[in-house]
Amino acid sequence: MQLEAMTVIFWAVFLLVAGQSGKVDATIRTRAFYRNSNPDQVAEDIVGDPLIPTSSSSTSSPSPSSRSTSRSIRCAMECLEAFPNCTSFLLNSTTGQCIQASSPQPLVPELKAGHGDLYVSCDTQNGYQMYTFGSAAACLAAMETTRENYTDASWRCEELGGYLASVRSWDKLQLLSAAMGGNHSFWVGLDDMDEEGTFVWKEDGQVAFKANATSTAADMADVLMGGLWDHPREPNNFGGNEDCTQIKYSEYFKEMRLNDYKCFNKNKFVCEMPVQLV
């Protein structure tokens, strides 16, 4: 199904309490949750609202919007209690049914069946924020004022709990460019440092494309990542030592595109944490 663009809903703050000692851990967990509205959401046979307690002394009914917000917050808190690293939950705004998960992936069948809206989280510690563009959504920390060589930039992202960002679609390229602002060049997580002509993603170690006996790396990039690279001959390993990938302003296309570049040069960079939608 086609998901709508996500919008910020709220900040969820959770205070962790130690086990039997009753000692309160001073750590405060802060997460921003974002909603994928499900146009096919359907009601289920659940009586009442399991998330909002009722009171016989109440003289007025809460508005639909306040009830929806309260349900969202309660469901998020339950998810954080069940999974300290809660990344997602599914909430039916009609019935109040709340389903929590440590990863969005197990909730996809319920989402497709119309059982509710999918809320995904971006851990906002260490400077991460959620960004969206078209069909792309990503939890990013944009290093706009820091310049590092490719290796140091990758290490820095790992220290922040992420990896140098991946760009596997046109919408993702536009999203990253907008997050960094302007037409400044910056590193992304794709290189052929281990084997010339075999480009691998930092995110998961998967091969994006590779040269072979009949096709150059540029040929394969055009086939598997068409429309994302600079001049049609990129990546071209100019000078014999361009093993890392940046997004830069293309004088050829007059817009931001991928380009291979010398890894020892210093660039801005953008880190990413995984947010799986479908």
C-alpha atoms as a PDB file:
ATOM      1  CA  MET A   1       0.000   0.000   0.000  1.00  0.00           C
ATOM      2  CA  GLN A   2       1.080   3.601  -0.510  1.00  0.00           C
ATOM      3  CA  LEU A   3       1.877   5.309   2.795  1.00  0.00           C
ATOM      4  CA  GLU A   4       1.338   8.991   3.414  1.00  0.00           C
ATOM      5  CA  ALA A   5       4.207  11.253   4.374  1.00  0.00           C
ATOM      6  CA  MET A   6       4.916  11.122   8.093  1.00  0.00           C
ATOM      7  CA  THR A   7       4.368  14.068  10.401  1.00  0.00           C
ATOM      8  CA  VAL A   8       5.666  14.813  13.888  1.00  0.00           C
ATOM      9  CA  ILE A   9       3.181  13.787  16.568  1.00  0.00           C
ATOM     10  CA  PHE A  10       4.795  14.221  19.987  1.00  0.00           C
ATOM     11  CA  TRP A  11       7.839  13.749  22.197  1.00  0.00           C
ATOM     12  CA  ALA A  12       7.670  10.693  24.489  1.00  0.00           C
ATOM     13  CA  VAL A  13       9.701  10.841  27.709  1.00  0.00           C
ATOM     14  CA  PHE A  14      10.105   7.683  29.787  1.00  0.00           C
ATOM     15  CA  LEU A  15      11.704   7.332  33.240  1.00  0.00           C
ATOM     16  CA  LEU A  16      13.310   3.922  33.725  1.00  0.00           C
ATOM     17  CA  VAL A  17      12.844   2.304  37.161  1.00  0.00           C
ATOM     18  CA  ALA A  18      15.290  -0.321  38.433  1.00  0.00           C
ATOM     19  CA  GLY A  19      13.949  -3.773  39.409  1.00  0.00           C
ATOM     20  CA  GLN A  20      13.255  -4.929  42.962  1.00  0.00           C
ATOM     21  CA  SER A  21      15.335  -2.262  44.691  1.00  0.00           C
ATOM     22  CA  GLY A  22      12.843   0.396  43.676  1.00  0.00           C
ATOM     23  CA  LYS A  23      15.726   2.713  42.843  1.00  0.00           C
ATOM     24  CA  VAL A  24      14.915   5.232  40.142  1.00  0.00           C
ATOM     25  CA  ASP A  25      17.353   5.416  37.253  1.00  0.00           C
ATOM     26  CA  ALA A  26      17.942   9.067  36.417  1.00  0.00           C
ATOM     27  CA  THR A  27      18.160   8.287  32.710  1.00  0.00           C
ATOM     28  CA  ILE A  28      15.420   9.952  30.698  1.00  0.00           C
ATOM     29  CA  ARG A  29      14.650   8.383  27.335  1.00  0.00           C
ATOM     30  CA  THR A  30      13.495  10.828  24.719  1.00  0.00           C
ATOM     31  CA  ARG A  31      12.069   9.676  21.407  1.00  0.00           C
ATOM     32  CA  ALA A  32      10.163  11.424  18.678  1.00  0.00           C
ATOM     33  CA  PHE A  33       7.410   9.294  17.152  1.00  0.00           C
ATOM     34  CA  TYR A  34       6.079   9.886  13.667  1.00  0.00           C
ATOM     35  CA  ARG A  35       2.839   8.604  12.192  1.00  0.00           C
ATOM     36  CA  ASN A  36       2.140   6.869   8.899  1.00  0.00           C
ATOM     37  CA  SER A  37      -1.605   7.426   8.515  1.00  0.00           C
ATOM     38  CA  ASN A  38      -3.335   4.324   7.207  1.00  0.00           C
ATOM     39  CA  PRO A  39      -6.221   5.250   4.859  1.00  0.00           C
ATOM     40  CA  ASP A  40      -7.505   1.656   5.038  1.00  0.00           C
ATOM     41  CA  GLN A  41      -7.804   1.567   8.830  1.00  0.00           C
ATOM     42  CA  VAL A  42     -10.763  -0.555   9.951  1.00  0.00           C
ATOM     43  CA  ALA A  43     -12.522  -0.960  13.295  1.00  0.00           C
ATOM     44  CA  GLU A  44     -12.266  -4.228  15.221  1.00  0.00           C
ATOM     45  CA  ASP A  45     -14.604  -5.891  17.718  1.00  0.00           C
ATOM     46  CA  ILE A  46     -13.203  -4.232  20.840  1.00  0.00           C
ATOM     47  CA  VAL A  47     -15.640  -2.787  23.385  1.00  0.00           C
ATOM     48  CA  GLY A  48     -14.800   0.629  24.788  1.00  0.00           C
ATOM     49  CA  ASP A  49     -11.410   2.321  24.821  1.00  0.00           C
ATOM     50  CA  PRO A  50      -8.749   0.133  26.498  1.00  0.00           C
ATOM     51  CA  LEU A  51      -6.241   2.992  26.666  1.00  0.00           C
ATOM     52  CA  ILE A  52      -8.315   5.805  28.183  1.00  0.00           C
ATOM     53  CA  PRO A  53      -9.699   5.195  31.720  1.00  0.00           C
ATOM     54  CA  THR A  54     -13.269   6.388  32.295  1.00  0.00           C
ATOM     55  CA  SER A  55     -14.615   8.207  35.336  1.00  0.00           C
ATOM     56  CA  SER A  56     -18.226   8.220  36.520  1.00  0.00           C
ATOM     57  CA  SER A  57     -17.740  11.719  37.928  1.00  0.00           C
ATOM     58  CA  SER A  58     -16.708  13.155  34.572  1.00  0.00           C
ATOM     59  CA  THR A  59     -19.090  15.854  33.353  1.00  0.00           C
ATOM     60  CA  SER A  60     -17.730  16.201  29.833  1.00  0.00           C
ATOM     61  CA  SER A  61     -16.293  14.006  27.135  1.00  0.00           C
ATOM     62  CA  PRO A  62     -12.788  14.629  25.780  1.00  0.00           C
ATOM     63  CA  SER A  63     -12.563  15.871  22.223  1.00  0.00           C
ATOM     64  CA  PRO A  64     -11.634  13.361  19.487  1.00  0.00           C
ATOM     65  CA  SER A  65      -8.267  15.093  18.979  1.00  0.00           C
ATOM     66  CA  SER A  66      -7.344  15.017  22.689  1.00  0.00           C
ATOM     67  CA  ARG A  67      -8.430  11.377  22.967  1.00  0.00           C
ATOM     68  CA  SER A  68      -6.275  10.522  19.943  1.00  0.00           C
ATOM     69  CA  THR A  69      -3.237  12.286  21.432  1.00  0.00           C
ATOM     70  CA  SER A  70      -3.740  10.596  24.816  1.00  0.00           C
ATOM     71  CA  ARG A  71      -4.024   7.221  23.145  1.00  0.00           C
ATOM     72  CA  SER A  72      -0.825   7.828  21.196  1.00  0.00           C
ATOM     73  CA  ILE A  73       1.137   8.841  24.289  1.00  0.00           C
ATOM     74  CA  ARG A  74      -0.185   5.917  26.335  1.00  0.00           C
ATOM     75  CA  CYS A  75       0.621   3.444  23.574  1.00  0.00           C
ATOM     76  CA  ALA A  76       4.138   4.874  23.218  1.00  0.00           C
ATOM     77  CA  MET A  77       4.726   4.553  26.970  1.00  0.00           C
ATOM     78  CA  GLU A  78       3.524   0.946  26.931  1.00  0.00           C
ATOM     79  CA  CYS A  79       5.876   0.238  24.039  1.00  0.00           C
ATOM     80  CA  LEU A  80       8.831   1.749  25.913  1.00  0.00           C
ATOM     81  CA  GLU A  81       7.946  -0.345  28.962  1.00  0.00           C
ATOM     82  CA  ALA A  82       7.821  -3.518  26.867  1.00  0.00           C
ATOM     83  CA  PHE A  83      10.841  -2.673  24.702  1.00  0.00           C
ATOM     84  CA  PRO A  84      13.396  -0.145  26.094  1.00  0.00           C
ATOM     85  CA  ASN A  85      14.501   0.424  22.503  1.00  0.00           C
ATOM     86  CA  CYS A  86      10.933   0.625  21.192  1.00  0.00           C
ATOM     87  CA  THR A  87      10.953   1.617  17.536  1.00  0.00           C
ATOM     88  CA  SER A  88       7.303   1.298  16.563  1.00  0.00           C
ATOM     89  CA  PHE A  89       3.716   0.650  17.525  1.00  0.00           C
ATOM     90  CA  LEU A  90       0.404   0.254  15.729  1.00  0.00           C
ATOM     91  CA  LEU A  91      -2.609   2.208  17.019  1.00  0.00           C
ATOM     92  CA  ASN A  92      -6.218   1.928  15.876  1.00  0.00           C
ATOM     93  CA  SER A  93      -7.668   5.402  16.392  1.00  0.00           C
ATOM     94  CA  THR A  94     -11.223   4.030  16.339  1.00  0.00           C
ATOM     95  CA  THR A  95     -10.901   1.255  18.913  1.00  0.00           C
ATOM     96  CA  GLY A  96      -7.761   2.335  20.773  1.00  0.00           C
ATOM     97  CA  GLN A  97      -6.101  -1.040  20.197  1.00  0.00           C
ATOM     98  CA  CYS A  98      -2.346  -0.728  20.787  1.00  0.00           C
ATOM     99  CA  ILE A  99       0.221  -3.197  19.432  1.00  0.00           C
ATOM    100  CA  GLN A 100       3.894  -2.643  20.299  1.00  0.00           C
ATOM    101  CA  ALA A 101       7.031  -3.980  18.636  1.00  0.00           C
ATOM    102  CA  SER A 102      10.795  -3.606  18.877  1.00  0.00           C
ATOM    103  CA  SER A 103      10.912  -3.236  15.077  1.00  0.00           C
ATOM    104  CA  PRO A 104       8.332  -1.990  12.564  1.00  0.00           C
ATOM    105  CA  GLN A 105       8.703  -5.092  10.397  1.00  0.00           C
ATOM    106  CA  PRO A 106       6.468  -7.437  12.497  1.00  0.00           C
ATOM    107  CA  LEU A 107       3.659  -4.876  12.288  1.00  0.00           C
ATOM    108  CA  VAL A 108       3.549  -4.687   8.494  1.00  0.00           C
ATOM    109  CA  PRO A 109       0.859  -7.418   8.068  1.00  0.00           C
ATOM    110  CA  GLU A 110      -1.404  -5.612  10.552  1.00  0.00           C
ATOM    111  CA  LEU A 111      -0.700  -2.296   8.828  1.00  0.00           C
ATOM    112  CA  LYS A 112      -1.595  -3.692   5.417  1.00  0.00           C
ATOM    113  CA  ALA A 113      -4.732  -5.279   6.873  1.00  0.00           C
ATOM    114  CA  GLY A 114      -5.918  -1.841   7.946  1.00  0.00           C
ATOM    115  CA  HIS A 115      -5.605  -2.403  11.696  1.00  0.00           C
ATOM    116  CA  GLY A 116      -4.310   1.066  12.477  1.00  0.00           C
ATOM    117  CA  ASP A 117      -1.713   3.789  11.980  1.00  0.00           C
ATOM    118  CA  LEU A 118       1.966   2.860  12.198  1.00  0.00           C
ATOM    119  CA  TYR A 119       4.063   5.068  14.475  1.00  0.00           C
ATOM    120  CA  VAL A 120       7.840   4.833  14.055  1.00  0.00           C
ATOM    121  CA  SER A 121      10.449   6.491  16.238  1.00  0.00           C
ATOM    122  CA  CYS A 122      13.670   8.359  15.752  1.00  0.00           C
ATOM    123  CA  ASP A 123      15.957   8.442  18.799  1.00  0.00           C
ATOM    124  CA  THR A 124      16.588  12.186  19.011  1.00  0.00           C
ATOM    125  CA  GLN A 125      19.649  11.910  21.208  1.00  0.00           C
ATOM    126  CA  ASN A 126      22.977  12.711  19.529  1.00  0.00           C
ATOM    127  CA  GLY A 127      21.369  15.200  17.150  1.00  0.00           C
ATOM    128  CA  TYR A 128      19.161  12.844  15.122  1.00  0.00           C
ATOM    129  CA  GLN A 129      15.911  14.096  13.580  1.00  0.00           C
ATOM    130  CA  MET A 130      13.317  12.595  11.263  1.00  0.00           C
ATOM    131  CA  TYR A 131      13.266  13.892   7.680  1.00  0.00           C
ATOM    132  CA  THR A 132      10.820  13.065   4.897  1.00  0.00           C
ATOM    133  CA  PHE A 133      10.696  13.688   1.156  1.00  0.00           C
ATOM    134  CA  GLY A 134       8.181  12.039  -1.146  1.00  0.00           C
ATOM    135  CA  SER A 135       8.225   8.319  -0.378  1.00  0.00           C
ATOM    136  CA  ALA A 136      11.463   8.525   1.640  1.00  0.00           C
ATOM    137  CA  ALA A 137      11.777   8.903   5.417  1.00  0.00           C
ATOM    138  CA  ALA A 138      15.021   8.805   7.402  1.00  0.00           C
ATOM    139  CA  CYS A 139      16.363   9.404  10.911  1.00  0.00           C
ATOM    140  CA  LEU A 140      19.421  11.609  10.299  1.00  0.00           C
ATOM    141  CA  ALA A 141      22.113  13.609  12.058  1.00  0.00           C
ATOM    142  CA  ALA A 142      23.309  16.210   9.553  1.00  0.00           C
ATOM    143  CA  MET A 143      26.924  17.220  10.204  1.00  0.00           C
ATOM    144  CA  GLU A 144      26.761  20.585   8.476  1.00  0.00           C
ATOM    145  CA  THR A 145      29.616  22.280  10.359  1.00  0.00           C
ATOM    146  CA  THR A 146      32.055  19.358  10.651  1.00  0.00           C
ATOM    147  CA  ARG A 147      34.411  18.150   7.919  1.00  0.00           C
ATOM    148  CA  GLU A 148      36.151  14.764   8.049  1.00  0.00           C
ATOM    149  CA  ASN A 149      37.783  12.357   5.645  1.00  0.00           C
ATOM    150  CA  TYR A 150      35.591   9.408   4.695  1.00  0.00           C
ATOM    151  CA  THR A 151      36.998   6.974   7.264  1.00  0.00           C
ATOM    152  CA  ASP A 152      36.764   9.419  10.173  1.00  0.00           C
ATOM    153  CA  ALA A 153      33.252  10.438   9.120  1.00  0.00           C
ATOM    154  CA  SER A 154      32.225   6.780   9.152  1.00  0.00           C
ATOM    155  CA  TRP A 155      33.736   6.280  12.617  1.00  0.00           C
ATOM    156  CA  ARG A 156      31.949   9.365  13.895  1.00  0.00           C
ATOM    157  CA  CYS A 157      28.588   8.039  12.690  1.00  0.00           C
ATOM    158  CA  GLU A 158      29.258   4.722  14.417  1.00  0.00           C
ATOM    159  CA  GLU A 159      30.023   6.592  17.653  1.00  0.00           C
ATOM    160  CA  LEU A 160      26.603   8.235  17.318  1.00  0.00           C
ATOM    161  CA  GLY A 161      24.901   4.859  16.913  1.00  0.00           C
ATOM    162  CA  GLY A 162      24.431   5.027  13.152  1.00  0.00           C
ATOM    163  CA  TYR A 163      26.239   4.806   9.824  1.00  0.00           C
ATOM    164  CA  LEU A 164      27.036   7.075   6.899  1.00  0.00           C
ATOM    165  CA  ALA A 165      23.690   7.541   5.168  1.00  0.00           C
ATOM    166  CA  SER A 166      22.512   5.345   2.308  1.00  0.00           C
ATOM    167  CA  VAL A 167      20.926   6.748  -0.844  1.00  0.00           C
ATOM    168  CA  ARG A 168      19.104   4.115  -2.891  1.00  0.00           C
ATOM    169  CA  SER A 169      16.371   6.213  -4.491  1.00  0.00           C
ATOM    170  CA  TRP A 170      15.804   9.627  -6.044  1.00  0.00           C
ATOM    171  CA  ASP A 171      13.576  10.714  -3.136  1.00  0.00           C
ATOM    172  CA  LYS A 172      16.284   9.701  -0.644  1.00  0.00           C
ATOM    173  CA  LEU A 173      18.887  11.721  -2.550  1.00  0.00           C
ATOM    174  CA  GLN A 174      16.601  14.764  -2.424  1.00  0.00           C
ATOM    175  CA  LEU A 175      15.900  14.169   1.267  1.00  0.00           C
ATOM    176  CA  LEU A 176      19.608  14.048   2.159  1.00  0.00           C
ATOM    177  CA  SER A 177      20.359  17.129   0.075  1.00  0.00           C
ATOM    178  CA  ALA A 178      17.576  19.066   1.800  1.00  0.00           C
ATOM    179  CA  ALA A 179      18.750  17.921   5.243  1.00  0.00           C
ATOM    180  CA  MET A 180      22.263  19.209   4.561  1.00  0.00           C
ATOM    181  CA  GLY A 181      21.041  22.434   2.936  1.00  0.00           C
ATOM    182  CA  GLY A 182      22.539  24.391   0.040  1.00  0.00           C
ATOM    183  CA  ASN A 183      24.723  22.889  -2.667  1.00  0.00           C
ATOM    184  CA  HIS A 184      27.549  21.737  -0.396  1.00  0.00           C
ATOM    185  CA  SER A 185      29.211  18.368  -1.000  1.00  0.00           C
ATOM    186  CA  PHE A 186      28.980  15.690   1.702  1.00  0.00           C
ATOM    187  CA  TRP A 187      29.877  12.033   2.260  1.00  0.00           C
ATOM    188  CA  VAL A 188      27.376   9.172   2.060  1.00  0.00           C
ATOM    189  CA  GLY A 189      28.026   5.542   2.972  1.00  0.00           C
ATOM    190  CA  LEU A 190      29.049   3.870  -0.293  1.00  0.00           C
ATOM    191  CA  ASP A 191      32.595   2.895  -1.315  1.00  0.00           C
ATOM    192  CA  ASP A 192      34.787   0.400  -3.163  1.00  0.00           C
ATOM    193  CA  MET A 193      37.719   0.602  -0.756  1.00  0.00           C
ATOM    194  CA  ASP A 194      37.980  -3.181  -0.310  1.00  0.00           C
ATOM    195  CA  GLU A 195      37.733  -4.160  -3.982  1.00  0.00           C
ATOM    196  CA  GLU A 196      38.047  -1.772  -6.907  1.00  0.00           C
ATOM    197  CA  GLY A 197      34.796  -1.544  -8.846  1.00  0.00           C
ATOM    198  CA  THR A 198      32.671  -3.246  -6.163  1.00  0.00           C
ATOM    199  CA  PHE A 199      30.653  -0.590  -4.326  1.00  0.00           C
ATOM    200  CA  VAL A 200      29.334  -1.579  -0.893  1.00  0.00           C
ATOM    201  CA  TRP A 201      26.849   0.161   1.432  1.00  0.00           C
ATOM    202  CA  LYS A 202      28.061   1.102   4.921  1.00  0.00           C
ATOM    203  CA  GLU A 203      24.535   0.507   6.198  1.00  0.00           C
ATOM    204  CA  ASP A 204      24.441  -3.268   5.770  1.00  0.00           C
ATOM    205  CA  GLY A 205      27.547  -4.365   3.850  1.00  0.00           C
ATOM    206  CA  GLN A 206      25.467  -5.208   0.776  1.00  0.00           C
ATOM    207  CA  VAL A 207      26.934  -4.741  -2.706  1.00  0.00           C
ATOM    208  CA  ALA A 208      25.207  -1.896  -4.550  1.00  0.00           C
ATOM    209  CA  PHE A 209      26.818  -2.734  -7.902  1.00  0.00           C
ATOM    210  CA  LYS A 210      30.090  -4.084  -9.258  1.00  0.00           C
ATOM    211  CA  ALA A 211      32.097  -4.056 -12.442  1.00  0.00           C
ATOM    212  CA  ASN A 212      32.403  -7.271 -14.411  1.00  0.00           C
ATOM    213  CA  ALA A 213      34.129  -8.626 -17.510  1.00  0.00           C
ATOM    214  CA  THR A 214      31.798  -6.797 -19.892  1.00  0.00           C
ATOM    215  CA  SER A 215      30.593  -3.766 -17.904  1.00  0.00           C
ATOM    216  CA  THR A 216      32.369  -0.993 -16.015  1.00  0.00           C
ATOM    217  CA  ALA A 217      31.287   0.212 -12.588  1.00  0.00           C
ATOM    218  CA  ALA A 218      29.707   3.231 -14.285  1.00  0.00           C
ATOM    219  CA  ASP A 219      27.717   0.930 -16.591  1.00  0.00           C
ATOM    220  CA  MET A 220      26.392  -1.070 -13.645  1.00  0.00           C
ATOM    221  CA  ALA A 221      25.674   2.074 -11.614  1.00  0.00           C
ATOM    222  CA  ASP A 222      23.565   3.334 -14.490  1.00  0.00           C
ATOM    223  CA  VAL A 223      21.642   0.058 -14.635  1.00  0.00           C
ATOM    224  CA  LEU A 224      21.106  -0.427 -10.882  1.00  0.00           C
ATOM    225  CA  MET A 225      21.121   3.180  -9.657  1.00  0.00           C
ATOM    226  CA  GLY A 226      20.051   5.040 -12.780  1.00  0.00           C
ATOM    227  CA  GLY A 227      19.461   8.752 -12.357  1.00  0.00           C
ATOM    228  CA  LEU A 228      21.410   9.137  -9.113  1.00  0.00           C
ATOM    229  CA  TRP A 229      24.955   9.641 -10.379  1.00  0.00           C
ATOM    230  CA  ASP A 230      26.651  12.685 -11.860  1.00  0.00           C
ATOM    231  CA  HIS A 231      27.841  12.668 -15.479  1.00  0.00           C
ATOM    232  CA  PRO A 232      26.952   9.342 -17.196  1.00  0.00           C
ATOM    233  CA  ARG A 233      30.561   8.190 -16.875  1.00  0.00           C
ATOM    234  CA  GLU A 234      30.470   8.271 -13.046  1.00  0.00           C
ATOM    235  CA  PRO A 235      31.800   6.641 -10.984  1.00  0.00           C
ATOM    236  CA  ASN A 236      34.998   6.945 -13.008  1.00  0.00           C
ATOM    237  CA  ASN A 237      37.772   6.474 -10.404  1.00  0.00           C
ATOM    238  CA  PHE A 238      39.490   9.599 -11.727  1.00  0.00           C
ATOM    239  CA  GLY A 239      43.212   9.521 -10.984  1.00  0.00           C
ATOM    240  CA  GLY A 240      42.962   5.890  -9.888  1.00  0.00           C
ATOM    241  CA  ASN A 241      42.060   6.634  -6.267  1.00  0.00           C
ATOM    242  CA  GLU A 242      38.426   7.738  -6.048  1.00  0.00           C
ATOM    243  CA  ASP A 243      37.014   5.008  -3.817  1.00  0.00           C
ATOM    244  CA  CYS A 244      34.391   6.870  -1.755  1.00  0.00           C
ATOM    245  CA  THR A 245      31.057   8.489  -2.583  1.00  0.00           C
ATOM    246  CA  GLN A 246      29.805  11.994  -2.019  1.00  0.00           C
ATOM    247  CA  ILE A 247      26.701  13.915  -2.995  1.00  0.00           C
ATOM    248  CA  LYS A 248      27.741  17.064  -4.845  1.00  0.00           C
ATOM    249  CA  TYR A 249      26.285  19.724  -7.089  1.00  0.00           C
ATOM    250  CA  SER A 250      26.493  18.520 -10.685  1.00  0.00           C
ATOM    251  CA  GLU A 251      27.488  21.130 -13.251  1.00  0.00           C
ATOM    252  CA  TYR A 252      26.275  18.653 -15.882  1.00  0.00           C
ATOM    253  CA  PHE A 253      22.737  18.155 -14.483  1.00  0.00           C
ATOM    254  CA  LYS A 254      22.505  21.398 -12.449  1.00  0.00           C
ATOM    255  CA  GLU A 255      21.356  19.520  -9.336  1.00  0.00           C
ATOM    256  CA  MET A 256      22.752  17.332  -6.559  1.00  0.00           C
ATOM    257  CA  ARG A 257      24.048  13.915  -7.695  1.00  0.00           C
ATOM    258  CA  LEU A 258      26.333  11.085  -6.546  1.00  0.00           C
ATOM    259  CA  ASN A 259      30.024  11.234  -7.426  1.00  0.00           C
ATOM    260  CA  ASP A 260      33.055   9.136  -6.494  1.00  0.00           C
ATOM    261  CA  TYR A 261      35.761  11.090  -4.704  1.00  0.00           C
ATOM    262  CA  LYS A 262      39.134  10.688  -3.026  1.00  0.00           C
ATOM    263  CA  CYS A 263      38.570   9.305   0.472  1.00  0.00           C
ATOM    264  CA  PHE A 264      41.273  11.388   2.162  1.00  0.00           C
ATOM    265  CA  ASN A 265      39.565  14.668   1.279  1.00  0.00           C
ATOM    266  CA  LYS A 266      37.545  16.305   4.032  1.00  0.00           C
ATOM    267  CA  ASN A 267      33.813  16.700   3.538  1.00  0.00           C
ATOM    268  CA  LYS A 268      30.686  17.381   5.487  1.00  0.00           C
ATOM    269  CA  PHE A 269      28.691  14.204   6.133  1.00  0.00           C
ATOM    270  CA  VAL A 270      25.320  12.872   7.265  1.00  0.00           C
ATOM    271  CA  CYS A 271      24.701   9.969   9.657  1.00  0.00           C
ATOM    272  CA  GLU A 272      21.629   7.740   9.610  1.00  0.00           C
ATOM    273  CA  MET A 273      19.857   5.374  11.997  1.00  0.00           C
ATOM    274  CA  PRO A 274      17.542   2.707  10.537  1.00  0.00           C
ATOM    275  CA  VAL A 275      13.806   3.319  10.258  1.00  0.00           C
ATOM    276  CA  GLN A 276      12.086   0.414   8.472  1.00  0.00           C
ATOM    277  CA  LEU A 277       8.617   1.206   7.156  1.00  0.00           C
ATOM    278  CA  VAL A 278       7.696  -1.655   4.858  1.00  0.00           C
END
